[in-house]
Amino acid sequence: MQLEILHVPDCPQVSPLLKLLERVTHLPVTTTMIDSIELAASRGMTGSPTLLVEDTDAFPPSEEDRRAGGLSCRLFRDHRGRTSPLPTVDQLRDALTARSLDPGADLRRS
C-alpha cells in the first residue's frame, strides 16, 4: 500500500500526522510539498495535509471542504462532525483498512 502526505511548506500538522500513522502502520510514508494551486489541483490536494492511499484521498472531502481546499489548512471531521486539524487514530486505521488492497496489510492494533 502506497501512503503519501501532500502538504504546504511549513505545515505544522505533517509531523503529528506522521506520528499518528506510526501508531497505525509500519508502512513507509512519503511526503510531498505542494507550493502552487495548480500542483494542488493536479494532485487532488484538498488542504494541508492530505493523506493519499494509492493516490486516492484517504478522507474524501465534502463538496464544501473541496472548495475550501488547495493550499489552505485542512480540517478533518470526527464521528460527531466536530473539526480537528488531524484525524483520530481510529479514523486513520479505518481509512487504511477500507482502502487496503491487501487484507494482510501491516496495520497496527495498538
PDB file of N, CA and C in Angstrom:
ATOM      1  N   MET A   1       0.854  -1.169   0.000  1.00  0.00           N
ATOM      2  CA  MET A   1       0.000   0.000   0.000  1.00  0.00           C
ATOM      3  C   MET A   1       0.899   1.231   0.000  1.00  0.00           C
ATOM      4  N   GLN A   2       0.631   2.171  -0.888  1.00  0.00           N
ATOM      5  CA  GLN A   2       1.421   3.397  -1.001  1.00  0.00           C
ATOM      6  C   GLN A   2       0.740   4.524  -0.228  1.00  0.00           C
ATOM      7  N   LEU A   3       1.471   5.129   0.718  1.00  0.00           N
ATOM      8  CA  LEU A   3       0.959   6.240   1.514  1.00  0.00           C
ATOM      9  C   LEU A   3       1.782   7.486   1.207  1.00  0.00           C
ATOM     10  N   GLU A   4       1.086   8.600   0.980  1.00  0.00           N
ATOM     11  CA  GLU A   4       1.760   9.857   0.680  1.00  0.00           C
ATOM     12  C   GLU A   4       1.006  11.002   1.345  1.00  0.00           C
ATOM     13  N   ILE A   5       1.747  11.893   1.951  1.00  0.00           N
ATOM     14  CA  ILE A   5       1.161  13.091   2.541  1.00  0.00           C
ATOM     15  C   ILE A   5       1.514  14.273   1.654  1.00  0.00           C
ATOM     16  N   LEU A   6       0.495  14.969   1.163  1.00  0.00           N
ATOM     17  CA  LEU A   6       0.679  16.209   0.414  1.00  0.00           C
ATOM     18  C   LEU A   6       0.542  17.347   1.414  1.00  0.00           C
ATOM     19  N   HIS A   7       1.442  18.322   1.341  1.00  0.00           N
ATOM     20  CA  HIS A   7       1.396  19.400   2.322  1.00  0.00           C
ATOM     21  C   HIS A   7       1.988  20.679   1.755  1.00  0.00           C
ATOM     22  N   VAL A   8       1.623  21.786   2.364  1.00  0.00           N
ATOM     23  CA  VAL A   8       2.204  23.081   2.015  1.00  0.00           C
ATOM     24  C   VAL A   8       3.506  23.245   2.797  1.00  0.00           C
ATOM     25  N   PRO A   9       4.378  24.184   2.360  1.00  0.00           N
ATOM     26  CA  PRO A   9       5.620  24.417   3.107  1.00  0.00           C
ATOM     27  C   PRO A   9       5.318  24.789   4.569  1.00  0.00           C
ATOM     28  N   ASP A  10       6.089  24.230   5.465  1.00  0.00           N
ATOM     29  CA  ASP A  10       5.998  24.517   6.902  1.00  0.00           C
ATOM     30  C   ASP A  10       4.655  24.160   7.529  1.00  0.00           C
ATOM     31  N   CYS A  11       3.940  23.217   6.969  1.00  0.00           N
ATOM     32  CA  CYS A  11       2.660  22.785   7.558  1.00  0.00           C
ATOM     33  C   CYS A  11       2.935  22.184   8.936  1.00  0.00           C
ATOM     34  N   PRO A  12       2.319  22.726   9.985  1.00  0.00           N
ATOM     35  CA  PRO A  12       2.590  22.226  11.335  1.00  0.00           C
ATOM     36  C   PRO A  12       1.958  20.868  11.631  1.00  0.00           C
ATOM     37  N   GLN A  13       1.103  20.377  10.740  1.00  0.00           N
ATOM     38  CA  GLN A  13       0.404  19.115  11.007  1.00  0.00           C
ATOM     39  C   GLN A  13       1.075  17.894  10.385  1.00  0.00           C
ATOM     40  N   VAL A  14       2.124  18.099   9.579  1.00  0.00           N
ATOM     41  CA  VAL A  14       2.780  16.957   8.933  1.00  0.00           C
ATOM     42  C   VAL A  14       3.426  16.038   9.969  1.00  0.00           C
ATOM     43  N   SER A  15       4.223  16.573  10.842  1.00  0.00           N
ATOM     44  CA  SER A  15       4.894  15.751  11.852  1.00  0.00           C
ATOM     45  C   SER A  15       3.896  15.020  12.756  1.00  0.00           C
ATOM     46  N   PRO A  16       2.867  15.699  13.279  1.00  0.00           N
ATOM     47  CA  PRO A  16       1.888  14.967  14.091  1.00  0.00           C
ATOM     48  C   PRO A  16       1.154  13.877  13.306  1.00  0.00           C
ATOM     49  N   LEU A  17       0.871  14.119  12.013  1.00  0.00           N
ATOM     50  CA  LEU A  17       0.208  13.096  11.208  1.00  0.00           C
ATOM     51  C   LEU A  17       1.137  11.896  11.005  1.00  0.00           C
ATOM     52  N   LEU A  18       2.405  12.145  10.761  1.00  0.00           N
ATOM     53  CA  LEU A  18       3.361  11.038  10.634  1.00  0.00           C
ATOM     54  C   LEU A  18       3.421  10.216  11.919  1.00  0.00           C
ATOM     55  N   LYS A  19       3.387  10.879  13.061  1.00  0.00           N
ATOM     56  CA  LYS A  19       3.413  10.162  14.348  1.00  0.00           C
ATOM     57  C   LYS A  19       2.149   9.329  14.539  1.00  0.00           C
ATOM     58  N   LEU A  20       1.009   9.878  14.135  1.00  0.00           N
ATOM     59  CA  LEU A  20      -0.230   9.099  14.212  1.00  0.00           C
ATOM     60  C   LEU A  20      -0.154   7.880  13.299  1.00  0.00           C
ATOM     61  N   LEU A  21       0.370   8.071  12.099  1.00  0.00           N
ATOM     62  CA  LEU A  21       0.489   6.949  11.167  1.00  0.00           C
ATOM     63  C   LEU A  21       1.419   5.866  11.712  1.00  0.00           C
ATOM     64  N   GLU A  22       2.466   6.264  12.420  1.00  0.00           N
ATOM     65  CA  GLU A  22       3.371   5.277  13.035  1.00  0.00           C
ATOM     66  C   GLU A  22       2.633   4.407  14.044  1.00  0.00           C
ATOM     67  N   ARG A  23       1.620   4.958  14.668  1.00  0.00           N
ATOM     68  CA  ARG A  23       0.815   4.190  15.634  1.00  0.00           C
ATOM     69  C   ARG A  23      -0.097   3.199  14.933  1.00  0.00           C
ATOM     70  N   VAL A  24      -0.366   3.435  13.648  1.00  0.00           N
ATOM     71  CA  VAL A  24      -1.338   2.631  12.910  1.00  0.00           C
ATOM     72  C   VAL A  24      -0.677   1.615  11.981  1.00  0.00           C
ATOM     73  N   THR A  25       0.458   1.951  11.400  1.00  0.00           N
ATOM     74  CA  THR A  25       1.063   1.080  10.400  1.00  0.00           C
ATOM     75  C   THR A  25       2.579   1.183  10.400  1.00  0.00           C
ATOM     76  N   HIS A  26       3.203   0.113   9.919  1.00  0.00           N
ATOM     77  CA  HIS A  26       4.656   0.094   9.711  1.00  0.00           C
ATOM     78  C   HIS A  26       5.005   0.511   8.283  1.00  0.00           C
ATOM     79  N   LEU A  27       4.012   0.730   7.461  1.00  0.00           N
ATOM     80  CA  LEU A  27       4.254   1.058   6.055  1.00  0.00           C
ATOM     81  C   LEU A  27       4.986   2.385   5.913  1.00  0.00           C
ATOM     82  N   PRO A  28       5.850   2.499   4.905  1.00  0.00           N
ATOM     83  CA  PRO A  28       6.540   3.767   4.675  1.00  0.00           C
ATOM     84  C   PRO A  28       5.563   4.827   4.174  1.00  0.00           C
ATOM     85  N   VAL A  29       5.857   6.062   4.525  1.00  0.00           N
ATOM     86  CA  VAL A  29       5.027   7.198   4.118  1.00  0.00           C
ATOM     87  C   VAL A  29       5.942   8.218   3.458  1.00  0.00           C
ATOM     88  N   THR A  30       5.581   8.651   2.263  1.00  0.00           N
ATOM     89  CA  THR A  30       6.342   9.719   1.622  1.00  0.00           C
ATOM     90  C   THR A  30       5.607  11.039   1.847  1.00  0.00           C
ATOM     91  N   THR A  31       6.371  12.115   1.829  1.00  0.00           N
ATOM     92  CA  THR A  31       5.772  13.439   1.949  1.00  0.00           C
ATOM     93  C   THR A  31       6.153  14.247   0.711  1.00  0.00           C
ATOM     94  N   THR A  32       5.194  15.024   0.233  1.00  0.00           N
ATOM     95  CA  THR A  32       5.411  15.838  -0.952  1.00  0.00           C
ATOM     96  C   THR A  32       4.938  17.252  -0.684  1.00  0.00           C
ATOM     97  N   MET A  33       5.857  18.200  -0.833  1.00  0.00           N
ATOM     98  CA  MET A  33       5.497  19.601  -0.636  1.00  0.00           C
ATOM     99  C   MET A  33       4.798  20.121  -1.891  1.00  0.00           C
ATOM    100  N   ILE A  34       3.684  20.779  -1.673  1.00  0.00           N
ATOM    101  CA  ILE A  34       2.882  21.369  -2.743  1.00  0.00           C
ATOM    102  C   ILE A  34       2.932  22.879  -2.554  1.00  0.00           C
ATOM    103  N   ASP A  35       3.405  23.594  -3.584  1.00  0.00           N
ATOM    104  CA  ASP A  35       3.586  25.034  -3.412  1.00  0.00           C
ATOM    105  C   ASP A  35       2.875  25.888  -4.456  1.00  0.00           C
ATOM    106  N   SER A  36       1.916  25.289  -5.159  1.00  0.00           N
ATOM    107  CA  SER A  36       1.131  26.081  -6.105  1.00  0.00           C
ATOM    108  C   SER A  36      -0.282  25.516  -6.191  1.00  0.00           C
ATOM    109  N   ILE A  37      -1.215  26.386  -6.475  1.00  0.00           N
ATOM    110  CA  ILE A  37      -2.620  25.978  -6.638  1.00  0.00           C
ATOM    111  C   ILE A  37      -2.735  24.955  -7.762  1.00  0.00           C
ATOM    112  N   GLU A  38      -1.977  25.163  -8.832  1.00  0.00           N
ATOM    113  CA  GLU A  38      -2.039  24.254  -9.980  1.00  0.00           C
ATOM    114  C   GLU A  38      -1.585  22.852  -9.598  1.00  0.00           C
ATOM    115  N   LEU A  39      -0.476  22.778  -8.862  1.00  0.00           N
ATOM    116  CA  LEU A  39       0.018  21.473  -8.423  1.00  0.00           C
ATOM    117  C   LEU A  39      -0.959  20.830  -7.443  1.00  0.00           C
ATOM    118  N   ALA A  40      -1.513  21.626  -6.536  1.00  0.00           N
ATOM    119  CA  ALA A  40      -2.505  21.101  -5.584  1.00  0.00           C
ATOM    120  C   ALA A  40      -3.692  20.501  -6.337  1.00  0.00           C
ATOM    121  N   ALA A  41      -4.188  21.212  -7.328  1.00  0.00           N
ATOM    122  CA  ALA A  41      -5.338  20.731  -8.100  1.00  0.00           C
ATOM    123  C   ALA A  41      -4.982  19.462  -8.878  1.00  0.00           C
ATOM    124  N   SER A  42      -3.800  19.424  -9.470  1.00  0.00           N
ATOM    125  CA  SER A  42      -3.424  18.260 -10.277  1.00  0.00           C
ATOM    126  C   SER A  42      -3.198  17.015  -9.421  1.00  0.00           C
ATOM    127  N   ARG A  43      -2.803  17.194  -8.166  1.00  0.00           N
ATOM    128  CA  ARG A  43      -2.558  16.062  -7.270  1.00  0.00           C
ATOM    129  C   ARG A  43      -3.769  15.711  -6.411  1.00  0.00           C
ATOM    130  N   GLY A  44      -4.824  16.513  -6.467  1.00  0.00           N
ATOM    131  CA  GLY A  44      -6.013  16.227  -5.678  1.00  0.00           C
ATOM    132  C   GLY A  44      -5.897  16.627  -4.226  1.00  0.00           C
ATOM    133  N   MET A  45      -5.052  17.617  -3.952  1.00  0.00           N
ATOM    134  CA  MET A  45      -4.872  18.079  -2.571  1.00  0.00           C
ATOM    135  C   MET A  45      -6.041  18.973  -2.180  1.00  0.00           C
ATOM    136  N   THR A  46      -6.681  18.618  -1.094  1.00  0.00           N
ATOM    137  CA  THR A  46      -7.841  19.379  -0.617  1.00  0.00           C
ATOM    138  C   THR A  46      -7.550  19.976   0.748  1.00  0.00           C
ATOM    139  N   GLY A  47      -6.389  20.560   0.871  1.00  0.00           N
ATOM    140  CA  GLY A  47      -5.956  21.158   2.124  1.00  0.00           C
ATOM    141  C   GLY A  47      -4.750  20.423   2.658  1.00  0.00           C
ATOM    142  N   SER A  48      -4.005  21.097   3.505  1.00  0.00           N
ATOM    143  CA  SER A  48      -2.763  20.540   4.032  1.00  0.00           C
ATOM    144  C   SER A  48      -2.915  20.167   5.502  1.00  0.00           C
ATOM    145  N   PRO A  49      -2.622  18.917   5.826  1.00  0.00           N
ATOM    146  CA  PRO A  49      -2.105  17.837   4.999  1.00  0.00           C
ATOM    147  C   PRO A  49      -3.232  17.001   4.387  1.00  0.00           C
ATOM    148  N   THR A  50      -2.951  16.437   3.227  1.00  0.00           N
ATOM    149  CA  THR A  50      -3.848  15.476   2.582  1.00  0.00           C
ATOM    150  C   THR A  50      -3.127  14.144   2.549  1.00  0.00           C
ATOM    151  N   LEU A  51      -3.764  13.107   3.078  1.00  0.00           N
ATOM    152  CA  LEU A  51      -3.196  11.762   3.062  1.00  0.00           C
ATOM    153  C   LEU A  51      -3.756  11.006   1.868  1.00  0.00           C
ATOM    154  N   LEU A  52      -2.859  10.577   0.990  1.00  0.00           N
ATOM    155  CA  LEU A  52      -3.249   9.759  -0.157  1.00  0.00           C
ATOM    156  C   LEU A  52      -2.885   8.309   0.118  1.00  0.00           C
ATOM    157  N   VAL A  53      -3.815   7.415  -0.188  1.00  0.00           N
ATOM    158  CA  VAL A  53      -3.575   5.982  -0.138  1.00  0.00           C
ATOM    159  C   VAL A  53      -3.756   5.492  -1.562  1.00  0.00           C
ATOM    160  N   GLU A  54      -2.673   4.998  -2.133  1.00  0.00           N
ATOM    161  CA  GLU A  54      -2.707   4.580  -3.538  1.00  0.00           C
ATOM    162  C   GLU A  54      -3.247   5.711  -4.419  1.00  0.00           C
ATOM    163  N   ASP A  55      -2.764   6.929  -4.184  1.00  0.00           N
ATOM    164  CA  ASP A  55      -3.110   8.131  -4.961  1.00  0.00           C
ATOM    165  C   ASP A  55      -4.566   8.581  -4.818  1.00  0.00           C
ATOM    166  N   THR A  56      -5.251   8.097  -3.792  1.00  0.00           N
ATOM    167  CA  THR A  56      -6.639   8.487  -3.536  1.00  0.00           C
ATOM    168  C   THR A  56      -6.737   9.068  -2.132  1.00  0.00           C
ATOM    169  N   ASP A  57      -7.441  10.182  -1.995  1.00  0.00           N
ATOM    170  CA  ASP A  57      -7.606  10.831  -0.697  1.00  0.00           C
ATOM    171  C   ASP A  57      -8.203   9.850   0.306  1.00  0.00           C
ATOM    172  N   ALA A  58      -7.503   9.633   1.414  1.00  0.00           N
ATOM    173  CA  ALA A  58      -7.978   8.703   2.448  1.00  0.00           C
ATOM    174  C   ALA A  58      -9.228   9.211   3.143  1.00  0.00           C
ATOM    175  N   PHE A  59      -9.459  10.522   3.071  1.00  0.00           N
ATOM    176  CA  PHE A  59     -10.619  11.141   3.704  1.00  0.00           C
ATOM    177  C   PHE A  59     -11.302  12.023   2.669  1.00  0.00           C
ATOM    178  N   PRO A  60     -12.073  11.407   1.769  1.00  0.00           N
ATOM    179  CA  PRO A  60     -12.691  12.197   0.712  1.00  0.00           C
ATOM    180  C   PRO A  60     -13.480  13.368   1.304  1.00  0.00           C
ATOM    181  N   PRO A  61     -13.181  14.562   0.825  1.00  0.00           N
ATOM    182  CA  PRO A  61     -13.810  15.750   1.400  1.00  0.00           C
ATOM    183  C   PRO A  61     -15.234  15.957   0.892  1.00  0.00           C
ATOM    184  N   SER A  62     -16.003  16.679   1.692  1.00  0.00           N
ATOM    185  CA  SER A  62     -17.329  17.100   1.235  1.00  0.00           C
ATOM    186  C   SER A  62     -17.122  18.139   0.136  1.00  0.00           C
ATOM    187  N   GLU A  63     -18.170  18.458  -0.572  1.00  0.00           N
ATOM    188  CA  GLU A  63     -18.081  19.479  -1.616  1.00  0.00           C
ATOM    189  C   GLU A  63     -17.636  20.817  -1.021  1.00  0.00           C
ATOM    190  N   GLU A  64     -18.163  21.161   0.149  1.00  0.00           N
ATOM    191  CA  GLU A  64     -17.776  22.401   0.816  1.00  0.00           C
ATOM    192  C   GLU A  64     -16.288  22.399   1.155  1.00  0.00           C
ATOM    193  N   ASP A  65     -15.799  21.287   1.700  1.00  0.00           N
ATOM    194  CA  ASP A  65     -14.386  21.179   2.044  1.00  0.00           C
ATOM    195  C   ASP A  65     -13.512  21.206   0.792  1.00  0.00           C
ATOM    196  N   ARG A  66     -13.994  20.602  -0.297  1.00  0.00           N
ATOM    197  CA  ARG A  66     -13.227  20.586  -1.544  1.00  0.00           C
ATOM    198  C   ARG A  66     -13.042  22.005  -2.064  1.00  0.00           C
ATOM    199  N   ARG A  67     -14.086  22.819  -1.997  1.00  0.00           N
ATOM    200  CA  ARG A  67     -13.990  24.204  -2.474  1.00  0.00           C
ATOM    201  C   ARG A  67     -13.024  25.010  -1.618  1.00  0.00           C
ATOM    202  N   ALA A  68     -12.926  24.695  -0.333  1.00  0.00           N
ATOM    203  CA  ALA A  68     -12.049  25.435   0.582  1.00  0.00           C
ATOM    204  C   ALA A  68     -10.624  24.892   0.575  1.00  0.00           C
ATOM    205  N   GLY A  69     -10.381  23.799  -0.137  1.00  0.00           N
ATOM    206  CA  GLY A  69      -9.097  23.098  -0.085  1.00  0.00           C
ATOM    207  C   GLY A  69      -7.959  23.818  -0.750  1.00  0.00           C
ATOM    208  N   GLY A  70      -7.137  23.057  -1.460  1.00  0.00           N
ATOM    209  CA  GLY A  70      -5.972  23.623  -2.108  1.00  0.00           C
ATOM    210  C   GLY A  70      -4.839  23.830  -1.137  1.00  0.00           C
ATOM    211  N   LEU A  71      -4.377  25.072  -1.032  1.00  0.00           N
ATOM    212  CA  LEU A  71      -3.223  25.377  -0.195  1.00  0.00           C
ATOM    213  C   LEU A  71      -3.595  25.794   1.227  1.00  0.00           C
ATOM    214  N   SER A  72      -4.852  25.710   1.572  1.00  0.00           N
ATOM    215  CA  SER A  72      -5.276  26.075   2.924  1.00  0.00           C
ATOM    216  C   SER A  72      -5.035  24.917   3.885  1.00  0.00           C
ATOM    217  N   CYS A  73      -5.168  25.196   5.169  1.00  0.00           N
ATOM    218  CA  CYS A  73      -5.077  24.140   6.174  1.00  0.00           C
ATOM    219  C   CYS A  73      -6.295  23.234   6.040  1.00  0.00           C
ATOM    220  N   ARG A  74      -6.077  21.974   6.252  1.00  0.00           N
ATOM    221  CA  ARG A  74      -7.159  21.006   6.146  1.00  0.00           C
ATOM    222  C   ARG A  74      -7.749  20.747   7.520  1.00  0.00           C
ATOM    223  N   LEU A  75      -9.048  20.566   7.551  1.00  0.00           N
ATOM    224  CA  LEU A  75      -9.736  20.163   8.773  1.00  0.00           C
ATOM    225  C   LEU A  75     -10.388  18.815   8.533  1.00  0.00           C
ATOM    226  N   PHE A  76     -10.346  17.971   9.538  1.00  0.00           N
ATOM    227  CA  PHE A  76     -10.972  16.656   9.491  1.00  0.00           C
ATOM    228  C   PHE A  76     -12.170  16.692  10.420  1.00  0.00           C
ATOM    229  N   ARG A  77     -13.153  15.887  10.144  1.00  0.00           N
ATOM    230  CA  ARG A  77     -14.352  15.825  10.979  1.00  0.00           C
ATOM    231  C   ARG A  77     -14.406  14.488  11.702  1.00  0.00           C
ATOM    232  N   ASP A  78     -14.718  14.550  13.002  1.00  0.00           N
ATOM    233  CA  ASP A  78     -14.847  13.308  13.754  1.00  0.00           C
ATOM    234  C   ASP A  78     -16.254  12.742  13.540  1.00  0.00           C
ATOM    235  N   HIS A  79     -16.563  11.647  14.214  1.00  0.00           N
ATOM    236  CA  HIS A  79     -17.854  10.990  14.013  1.00  0.00           C
ATOM    237  C   HIS A  79     -19.038  11.849  14.449  1.00  0.00           C
ATOM    238  N   ARG A  80     -18.777  12.897  15.217  1.00  0.00           N
ATOM    239  CA  ARG A  80     -19.847  13.811  15.631  1.00  0.00           C
ATOM    240  C   ARG A  80     -19.893  15.075  14.768  1.00  0.00           C
ATOM    241  N   GLY A  81     -18.993  15.162  13.792  1.00  0.00           N
ATOM    242  CA  GLY A  81     -18.969  16.321  12.912  1.00  0.00           C
ATOM    243  C   GLY A  81     -18.101  17.469  13.389  1.00  0.00           C
ATOM    244  N   ARG A  82     -17.439  17.290  14.533  1.00  0.00           N
ATOM    245  CA  ARG A  82     -16.540  18.327  15.035  1.00  0.00           C
ATOM    246  C   ARG A  82     -15.264  18.345  14.203  1.00  0.00           C
ATOM    247  N   THR A  83     -14.691  19.528  14.033  1.00  0.00           N
ATOM    248  CA  THR A  83     -13.484  19.645  13.229  1.00  0.00           C
ATOM    249  C   THR A  83     -12.228  19.552  14.083  1.00  0.00           C
ATOM    250  N   SER A  84     -11.172  19.068  13.437  1.00  0.00           N
ATOM    251  CA  SER A  84      -9.870  18.909  14.079  1.00  0.00           C
ATOM    252  C   SER A  84      -8.803  19.038  12.995  1.00  0.00           C
ATOM    253  N   PRO A  85      -7.593  19.476  13.351  1.00  0.00           N
ATOM    254  CA  PRO A  85      -6.540  19.570  12.347  1.00  0.00           C
ATOM    255  C   PRO A  85      -5.979  18.209  11.913  1.00  0.00           C
ATOM    256  N   LEU A  86      -6.346  17.146  12.641  1.00  0.00           N
ATOM    257  CA  LEU A  86      -5.881  15.796  12.313  1.00  0.00           C
ATOM    258  C   LEU A  86      -6.999  14.787  12.510  1.00  0.00           C
ATOM    259  N   PRO A  87      -6.958  13.682  11.763  1.00  0.00           N
ATOM    260  CA  PRO A  87      -7.911  12.603  12.042  1.00  0.00           C
ATOM    261  C   PRO A  87      -7.488  11.879  13.319  1.00  0.00           C
ATOM    262  N   THR A  88      -8.387  11.125  13.890  1.00  0.00           N
ATOM    263  CA  THR A  88      -8.055  10.319  15.065  1.00  0.00           C
ATOM    264  C   THR A  88      -7.330   9.049  14.618  1.00  0.00           C
ATOM    265  N   VAL A  89      -6.714   8.362  15.560  1.00  0.00           N
ATOM    266  CA  VAL A  89      -6.059   7.085  15.265  1.00  0.00           C
ATOM    267  C   VAL A  89      -7.079   6.107  14.694  1.00  0.00           C
ATOM    268  N   ASP A  90      -8.264   6.048  15.281  1.00  0.00           N
ATOM    269  CA  ASP A  90      -9.296   5.133  14.782  1.00  0.00           C
ATOM    270  C   ASP A  90      -9.720   5.501  13.359  1.00  0.00           C
ATOM    271  N   GLN A  91      -9.841   6.785  13.071  1.00  0.00           N
ATOM    272  CA  GLN A  91     -10.194   7.197  11.714  1.00  0.00           C
ATOM    273  C   GLN A  91      -9.100   6.801  10.725  1.00  0.00           C
ATOM    274  N   LEU A  92      -7.846   6.968  11.107  1.00  0.00           N
ATOM    275  CA  LEU A  92      -6.744   6.559  10.235  1.00  0.00           C
ATOM    276  C   LEU A  92      -6.778   5.062   9.985  1.00  0.00           C
ATOM    277  N   ARG A  93      -6.925   4.292  11.052  1.00  0.00           N
ATOM    278  CA  ARG A  93      -6.968   2.833  10.920  1.00  0.00           C
ATOM    279  C   ARG A  93      -8.126   2.415  10.019  1.00  0.00           C
ATOM    280  N   ASP A  94      -9.298   3.005  10.233  1.00  0.00           N
ATOM    281  CA  ASP A  94     -10.458   2.668   9.412  1.00  0.00           C
ATOM    282  C   ASP A  94     -10.236   3.040   7.948  1.00  0.00           C
ATOM    283  N   ALA A  95      -9.650   4.214   7.708  1.00  0.00           N
ATOM    284  CA  ALA A  95      -9.409   4.660   6.335  1.00  0.00           C
ATOM    285  C   ALA A  95      -8.423   3.742   5.623  1.00  0.00           C
ATOM    286  N   LEU A  96      -7.366   3.353   6.316  1.00  0.00           N
ATOM    287  CA  LEU A  96      -6.378   2.469   5.697  1.00  0.00           C
ATOM    288  C   LEU A  96      -6.940   1.079   5.470  1.00  0.00           C
ATOM    289  N   THR A  97      -7.705   0.586   6.421  1.00  0.00           N
ATOM    290  CA  THR A  97      -8.315  -0.733   6.271  1.00  0.00           C
ATOM    291  C   THR A  97      -9.295  -0.734   5.100  1.00  0.00           C
ATOM    292  N   ALA A  98     -10.096   0.313   4.986  1.00  0.00           N
ATOM    293  CA  ALA A  98     -11.091   0.396   3.919  1.00  0.00           C
ATOM    294  C   ALA A  98     -10.447   0.473   2.541  1.00  0.00           C
ATOM    295  N   ARG A  99      -9.256   1.044   2.465  1.00  0.00           N
ATOM    296  CA  ARG A  99      -8.598   1.236   1.175  1.00  0.00           C
ATOM    297  C   ARG A  99      -7.486   0.231   0.907  1.00  0.00           C
ATOM    298  N   SER A 100      -7.318  -0.715   1.802  1.00  0.00           N
ATOM    299  CA  SER A 100      -6.241  -1.683   1.663  1.00  0.00           C
ATOM    300  C   SER A 100      -6.496  -2.613   0.487  1.00  0.00           C
ATOM    301  N   LEU A 101      -5.482  -2.748  -0.350  1.00  0.00           N
ATOM    302  CA  LEU A 101      -5.543  -3.717  -1.444  1.00  0.00           C
ATOM    303  C   LEU A 101      -5.122  -5.089  -0.963  1.00  0.00           C
ATOM    304  N   ASP A 102      -4.538  -5.124   0.222  1.00  0.00           N
ATOM    305  CA  ASP A 102      -4.009  -6.361   0.793  1.00  0.00           C
ATOM    306  C   ASP A 102      -4.647  -6.565   2.158  1.00  0.00           C
ATOM    307  N   PRO A 103      -5.514  -7.593   2.279  1.00  0.00           N
ATOM    308  CA  PRO A 103      -6.165  -7.815   3.579  1.00  0.00           C
ATOM    309  C   PRO A 103      -5.163  -8.056   4.705  1.00  0.00           C
ATOM    310  N   GLY A 104      -3.957  -8.449   4.385  1.00  0.00           N
ATOM    311  CA  GLY A 104      -2.935  -8.676   5.395  1.00  0.00           C
ATOM    312  C   GLY A 104      -2.016  -7.478   5.573  1.00  0.00           C
ATOM    313  N   ALA A 105      -2.473  -6.308   5.154  1.00  0.00           N
ATOM    314  CA  ALA A 105      -1.642  -5.100   5.241  1.00  0.00           C
ATOM    315  C   ALA A 105      -1.149  -4.909   6.657  1.00  0.00           C
ATOM    316  N   ASP A 106      -0.004  -4.299   6.777  1.00  0.00           N
ATOM    317  CA  ASP A 106       0.690  -4.151   8.049  1.00  0.00           C
ATOM    318  C   ASP A 106       0.095  -3.009   8.881  1.00  0.00           C
ATOM    319  N   LEU A 107      -1.078  -3.242   9.447  1.00  0.00           N
ATOM    320  CA  LEU A 107      -1.728  -2.239  10.285  1.00  0.00           C
ATOM    321  C   LEU A 107      -1.595  -2.659  11.735  1.00  0.00           C
ATOM    322  N   ARG A 108      -1.163  -1.744  12.549  1.00  0.00           N
ATOM    323  CA  ARG A 108      -1.002  -1.997  13.994  1.00  0.00           C
ATOM    324  C   ARG A 108      -2.347  -1.924  14.677  1.00  0.00           C
ATOM    325  N   ARG A 109      -2.492  -2.641  15.768  1.00  0.00           N
ATOM    326  CA  ARG A 109      -3.748  -2.677  16.518  1.00  0.00           C
ATOM    327  C   ARG A 109      -3.603  -2.053  17.883  1.00  0.00           C
ATOM    328  N   SER A 110      -2.598  -1.202  18.111  1.00  0.00           N
ATOM    329  CA  SER A 110      -2.385  -0.627  19.442  1.00  0.00           C
ATOM    330  C   SER A 110      -3.356   0.481  19.726  1.00  0.00           C
TER     331      SER A 110
END
